[in-house]
N, C-alpha and C. Protein backbone atom coordinates (compact mmCIF):
# COMPACT_ATOMS: atom_id res chain seq x y z
N MET A 1 -4.32 15.69 -14.70
CA MET A 1 -4.29 14.37 -14.17
C MET A 1 -3.90 13.43 -15.25
N ILE A 2 -3.00 12.50 -14.91
CA ILE A 2 -2.55 11.52 -15.89
C ILE A 2 -3.22 10.19 -15.53
N ILE A 3 -3.92 9.60 -16.53
CA ILE A 3 -4.55 8.29 -16.36
C ILE A 3 -3.73 7.33 -17.17
N GLU A 4 -3.15 6.33 -16.47
CA GLU A 4 -2.36 5.30 -17.10
C GLU A 4 -3.29 4.18 -17.61
N ARG A 5 -3.09 3.78 -18.82
CA ARG A 5 -3.94 2.71 -19.42
C ARG A 5 -2.99 1.56 -19.80
N THR A 6 -3.27 0.38 -19.23
CA THR A 6 -2.40 -0.78 -19.45
C THR A 6 -3.26 -1.93 -19.95
N ILE A 7 -2.86 -2.51 -21.10
CA ILE A 7 -3.56 -3.68 -21.60
C ILE A 7 -3.12 -4.88 -20.79
N LEU A 8 -4.07 -5.66 -20.34
CA LEU A 8 -3.80 -6.89 -19.57
C LEU A 8 -4.17 -8.04 -20.48
N PRO A 9 -3.22 -8.65 -21.18
CA PRO A 9 -3.51 -9.68 -22.16
C PRO A 9 -4.38 -10.81 -21.58
N GLY A 10 -5.46 -11.09 -22.29
CA GLY A 10 -6.39 -12.12 -21.88
C GLY A 10 -7.33 -11.74 -20.78
N VAL A 11 -7.17 -10.53 -20.24
CA VAL A 11 -8.00 -10.09 -19.12
C VAL A 11 -8.81 -8.89 -19.50
N GLY A 12 -8.17 -7.79 -19.91
CA GLY A 12 -8.88 -6.56 -20.25
C GLY A 12 -7.95 -5.38 -20.20
N VAL A 13 -8.38 -4.29 -19.55
CA VAL A 13 -7.63 -3.05 -19.50
C VAL A 13 -7.59 -2.55 -18.06
N ARG A 14 -6.44 -2.07 -17.62
CA ARG A 14 -6.30 -1.42 -16.32
C ARG A 14 -6.13 0.07 -16.50
N HIS A 15 -6.94 0.85 -15.83
CA HIS A 15 -6.85 2.32 -15.82
C HIS A 15 -6.46 2.74 -14.41
N ALA A 16 -5.43 3.58 -14.26
CA ALA A 16 -4.99 3.97 -12.93
C ALA A 16 -4.57 5.40 -12.91
N PHE A 17 -4.76 6.01 -11.75
CA PHE A 17 -4.26 7.40 -11.53
C PHE A 17 -3.97 7.57 -10.08
N THR A 18 -3.28 8.66 -9.76
CA THR A 18 -2.93 9.00 -8.38
C THR A 18 -3.66 10.28 -8.03
N THR A 19 -4.33 10.28 -6.86
CA THR A 19 -5.10 11.41 -6.40
C THR A 19 -4.15 12.51 -5.92
N GLU A 20 -4.67 13.71 -5.68
CA GLU A 20 -3.88 14.76 -5.10
C GLU A 20 -3.34 14.45 -3.74
N GLN A 21 -4.01 13.53 -3.04
CA GLN A 21 -3.57 13.10 -1.70
C GLN A 21 -2.56 11.96 -1.79
N GLY A 22 -2.19 11.60 -2.99
CA GLY A 22 -1.20 10.54 -3.18
C GLY A 22 -1.76 9.14 -3.13
N ARG A 23 -3.08 8.98 -3.15
CA ARG A 23 -3.72 7.64 -3.16
C ARG A 23 -3.79 7.15 -4.60
N ARG A 24 -3.59 5.85 -4.75
CA ARG A 24 -3.59 5.22 -6.08
C ARG A 24 -4.99 4.58 -6.29
N ILE A 25 -5.67 4.95 -7.37
CA ILE A 25 -6.98 4.39 -7.71
C ILE A 25 -6.84 3.62 -9.03
N THR A 26 -7.35 2.42 -9.06
CA THR A 26 -7.26 1.58 -10.28
C THR A 26 -8.62 1.01 -10.59
N VAL A 27 -8.95 0.96 -11.88
CA VAL A 27 -10.15 0.27 -12.36
C VAL A 27 -9.70 -0.76 -13.37
N VAL A 28 -10.05 -2.03 -13.11
CA VAL A 28 -9.75 -3.08 -14.08
C VAL A 28 -11.05 -3.39 -14.79
N GLU A 29 -11.01 -3.20 -16.11
CA GLU A 29 -12.18 -3.47 -16.98
C GLU A 29 -11.95 -4.79 -17.69
N TYR A 30 -12.73 -5.80 -17.33
CA TYR A 30 -12.58 -7.11 -17.92
C TYR A 30 -13.22 -7.20 -19.28
N ARG A 31 -12.61 -7.95 -20.16
CA ARG A 31 -13.12 -8.13 -21.53
C ARG A 31 -14.47 -8.89 -21.51
N ALA A 32 -14.54 -9.93 -20.71
CA ALA A 32 -15.74 -10.75 -20.70
C ALA A 32 -16.70 -10.31 -19.62
N GLY A 33 -17.94 -10.11 -19.98
CA GLY A 33 -18.99 -9.88 -18.97
C GLY A 33 -19.17 -8.45 -18.49
N GLY A 34 -18.28 -7.55 -18.87
CA GLY A 34 -18.40 -6.15 -18.46
C GLY A 34 -18.06 -5.86 -17.02
N ARG A 35 -17.54 -6.84 -16.31
CA ARG A 35 -17.18 -6.67 -14.91
C ARG A 35 -16.09 -5.64 -14.74
N ARG A 36 -16.14 -4.90 -13.62
CA ARG A 36 -15.07 -3.96 -13.33
C ARG A 36 -14.68 -4.07 -11.87
N ASP A 37 -13.40 -4.03 -11.60
CA ASP A 37 -12.92 -3.98 -10.20
C ASP A 37 -12.37 -2.61 -9.96
N VAL A 38 -12.82 -1.98 -8.85
CA VAL A 38 -12.30 -0.70 -8.43
C VAL A 38 -11.43 -0.96 -7.22
N VAL A 39 -10.14 -0.56 -7.31
CA VAL A 39 -9.17 -0.89 -6.27
C VAL A 39 -8.44 0.39 -5.87
N HIS A 40 -8.17 0.53 -4.58
CA HIS A 40 -7.35 1.63 -4.13
C HIS A 40 -6.37 1.12 -3.05
N ASP A 41 -5.33 1.86 -2.85
CA ASP A 41 -4.29 1.43 -1.91
C ASP A 41 -4.86 1.46 -0.47
N ASP A 42 -4.35 0.61 0.38
CA ASP A 42 -4.82 0.51 1.80
C ASP A 42 -3.95 1.51 2.58
N PRO A 43 -4.56 2.55 3.18
CA PRO A 43 -3.76 3.52 3.94
C PRO A 43 -3.08 2.95 5.17
N HIS A 44 -3.54 1.76 5.61
CA HIS A 44 -2.97 1.15 6.82
C HIS A 44 -1.93 0.10 6.47
N ASP A 45 -1.77 -0.26 5.19
CA ASP A 45 -0.83 -1.28 4.76
C ASP A 45 -0.23 -0.84 3.45
N PRO A 46 1.00 -0.38 3.43
CA PRO A 46 1.63 0.16 2.20
C PRO A 46 1.67 -0.89 1.06
N ASP A 47 1.58 -2.16 1.39
CA ASP A 47 1.61 -3.20 0.33
C ASP A 47 0.22 -3.72 0.01
N GLY A 48 -0.80 -3.21 0.69
CA GLY A 48 -2.13 -3.78 0.51
C GLY A 48 -3.06 -2.90 -0.30
N THR A 49 -4.15 -3.52 -0.78
CA THR A 49 -5.16 -2.82 -1.51
C THR A 49 -6.56 -3.19 -0.97
N ILE A 50 -7.50 -2.34 -1.27
CA ILE A 50 -8.90 -2.59 -0.93
C ILE A 50 -9.67 -2.49 -2.23
N GLY A 51 -10.57 -3.42 -2.48
CA GLY A 51 -11.27 -3.37 -3.76
C GLY A 51 -12.71 -3.82 -3.63
N VAL A 52 -13.43 -3.52 -4.75
CA VAL A 52 -14.83 -3.97 -4.86
C VAL A 52 -15.05 -4.31 -6.32
N THR A 53 -15.82 -5.40 -6.55
CA THR A 53 -16.16 -5.81 -7.90
C THR A 53 -17.57 -5.31 -8.22
N LEU A 54 -17.72 -4.68 -9.39
CA LEU A 54 -19.00 -4.11 -9.80
C LEU A 54 -19.51 -4.77 -11.04
N THR A 55 -20.81 -5.03 -11.09
CA THR A 55 -21.46 -5.51 -12.27
C THR A 55 -21.58 -4.33 -13.27
N PRO A 56 -21.92 -4.57 -14.51
CA PRO A 56 -22.09 -3.44 -15.45
C PRO A 56 -23.14 -2.45 -14.95
N VAL A 57 -24.21 -2.89 -14.37
CA VAL A 57 -25.26 -2.00 -13.91
C VAL A 57 -24.74 -1.18 -12.72
N GLU A 58 -23.98 -1.83 -11.80
CA GLU A 58 -23.41 -1.12 -10.66
C GLU A 58 -22.39 -0.09 -11.11
N ALA A 59 -21.58 -0.46 -12.09
CA ALA A 59 -20.54 0.49 -12.60
C ALA A 59 -21.24 1.69 -13.22
N SER A 60 -22.31 1.49 -13.94
CA SER A 60 -23.06 2.59 -14.53
C SER A 60 -23.65 3.50 -13.49
N ALA A 61 -24.19 2.90 -12.41
CA ALA A 61 -24.78 3.70 -11.30
C ALA A 61 -23.69 4.51 -10.62
N LEU A 62 -22.53 3.90 -10.40
CA LEU A 62 -21.42 4.66 -9.77
C LEU A 62 -20.95 5.79 -10.67
N ALA A 63 -20.89 5.55 -11.98
CA ALA A 63 -20.47 6.61 -12.91
C ALA A 63 -21.42 7.78 -12.85
N THR A 64 -22.72 7.45 -12.73
CA THR A 64 -23.73 8.52 -12.64
C THR A 64 -23.52 9.33 -11.34
N LEU A 65 -23.29 8.60 -10.24
CA LEU A 65 -23.06 9.28 -8.98
C LEU A 65 -21.81 10.16 -8.99
N LEU A 66 -20.80 9.74 -9.76
CA LEU A 66 -19.56 10.51 -9.83
C LEU A 66 -19.62 11.63 -10.87
N GLY A 67 -20.71 11.78 -11.55
CA GLY A 67 -20.91 12.86 -12.49
C GLY A 67 -20.58 12.57 -13.91
N PHE A 68 -20.60 11.32 -14.31
CA PHE A 68 -20.33 10.95 -15.71
C PHE A 68 -21.21 11.68 -16.68
N PRO A 69 -22.52 11.79 -16.48
CA PRO A 69 -23.34 12.52 -17.45
C PRO A 69 -22.89 13.97 -17.64
N GLU A 70 -22.46 14.60 -16.58
CA GLU A 70 -22.00 16.01 -16.67
C GLU A 70 -20.70 16.07 -17.51
N LEU A 71 -19.83 15.10 -17.33
CA LEU A 71 -18.56 15.06 -18.07
C LEU A 71 -18.85 14.88 -19.56
N VAL A 72 -19.80 14.05 -19.91
CA VAL A 72 -20.16 13.86 -21.30
C VAL A 72 -20.75 15.12 -21.88
N ALA A 73 -21.59 15.80 -21.15
CA ALA A 73 -22.21 17.05 -21.61
C ALA A 73 -21.17 18.14 -21.82
N VAL A 74 -20.18 18.19 -20.97
CA VAL A 74 -19.12 19.20 -21.15
C VAL A 74 -18.26 18.90 -22.35
N ALA A 75 -17.97 17.59 -22.59
CA ALA A 75 -17.12 17.21 -23.69
C ALA A 75 -17.80 17.35 -24.99
N ALA A 76 -19.15 17.32 -25.06
CA ALA A 76 -19.89 17.35 -26.31
C ALA A 76 -19.94 18.72 -26.94
């Protein structure tokens, strides 16, 4: 899987990848405040997106649910 990393001047960093089903997933990590936006393409509108804004605590909880601790253990 290829994860694209794009610096957004004055904003933060955008991380994006395409799933096996062809869906585009993007996480925008803001420099200030630790906020993150998780965005994916809208399957009903080719030009639209659906997103949710997460606080640092919420982003950490989601990472745990997605298996982040296991990924760290495997990489160590």
